[in-house]
Amino acid sequence: MAPVEPAAEVPDTTAYRLRVIFAGTVGNAIEFYDFTVYAFLAVYFVNHFFPLNDPVAGLLASYGALAAGMIMRPVGGVIIGSLGDRLGRKLALQVSIAMIALPTLLIGLLPTYQQIGMAAPILLISLRMIQGLSVGGEYSASIIYIIEQAPPARRGLWGSFNPMGGFGGIFLGAAVCIILTNQLGAAQMSDWGWRVPFIASIALTLAGAAVRLGLGVESRVALLKKHRVPVLLALRVHWRALAAIALANVSTGIVTFVGFTYTVSWMELEAGVSRQYALGVNLCALLMAAAFSVLGGMAGDRFGLLRVATAGLVVLVLGAWPALTAIASPALAHQLAGLALLALGQGLFVGPMCACMTTLVPMHVRATIVSLGYGLSVGIFGGLAPMATEYMLSRLGFGMAPAMVIMAGAVASLAALTLSRSWRSFDPRLPEER
């Protein structure tokens, strides 16, 4: 093990804690808003960018643009993760948030298929891919930034603010969609209102970038042992840990993008409710998921990080089918109960997993391994899950397709946590502390 400088003493003050947590999560919330607002407005992109005769094929193509951005997450993980390992976590955070500002604005200004032909969908997918690069490194970089400075006994809690920020960003995106739809109506929303969230987000993104430019705190342990190409070292030496992180997160993106995004459209179909109603109910689900994420992190500090994460997956495996059955009910109480069950499982899982991933790998390749492993899994499985769910529902006639996809993802993650050699020997301490 390479020598490292002694860890700087962490000030035990409320101001310090809030500064670190806010710096790590503010960009995460903004990036999730920018990246997921497309998913909430995907239905409006069909006629403007994918005017296919088959409406189902058009919707699949629209979700395909979402998947294209998600698939770029691993590439972003390599780029921004390597930057974080070689030049510092703070710089990686600044670069990641800057990378999403311009493409988000351009999506809001993009000419449609009727105006520029095939160039429109090509440009849209290209911009989504650039966004994917940014998100691929942002989430992991912010996790590591926070966990490396957290008190050892509170790493679960500190890390849980990252998924809380992510759910908060999705909440903000959904809230904007609801307000715009209510104020503008369906016709104007379809005509030009869908552009507003993308254009307006530039102010939020620039504000987040300004906050990070003013950061004065870097990782609490000096980055001494550096590698010129961290990704090669990760693939050659630490591939088991990389695979363990990727397999453990199969469920992460699936539950987020199917359970808390795709279900908006699914509720309209199955429960016979309006889009505004479905979005409103989903807001409650996102708030619950954010709260349960923090609860999961706190529980992980007390009862064991990996134990609580495993419990969350068990809830998802056993609860996905009854949860989606309740969500399909026309009764609000049943819908909220079903979403609460999904939120509980996801929160108990992702809350402590932030600390688990960070403490699994050594410091000098930590950002690369976590970013690449997490990005591969969430990008591939999370990106393709809504499209696969839509295909199973529309083409194969599986009405409970969302439940089936969520259960499959949770089973895969549960198998990884219980069978992987890396997770079986898990130690909640950072490697440099052992």
Foldseek 3Di string as FASTA:
>chain_A
DDDWDDFDDFDPDPVSLVLLLCLLQLLLLLLLLLLCLLLQVLLLQLVFAPPDPDSLVSSLVSLVLSLLLLQLLLVLLQVLLLCCLPPFLLVSQLVLLVQLLVLLQCLLVQGTCVVPNNVRNVSSSVSSNSSSSSSLQSLLSSLLFQQLNDDLLQSLLSSLSNVLSSLNSVLVSLVLVLVLCVVPPDVVCSVRVSSVSSNVSSVSSVVSSVSSVPDDDTRRIDSDDADPRLVVCCVPPVVLLLQLLQQLCLLQLLCCCLVLRLVLVLLCVLQVDDSSVSSVLSSLLSNLLSVLLSVLSNVCSVPNLLVQLLVLLVLLLVQLQCLVVQCSHNDSVSVNVSSNSSSNSNSNNSSSVSLQLQQLDASSSSSSSNSNSNSNNNSNNSSCNSSVLSCCCPPVPDSSSSSVSSNVSSVSSSCSCVPRPSNVPGDSHRPSVD
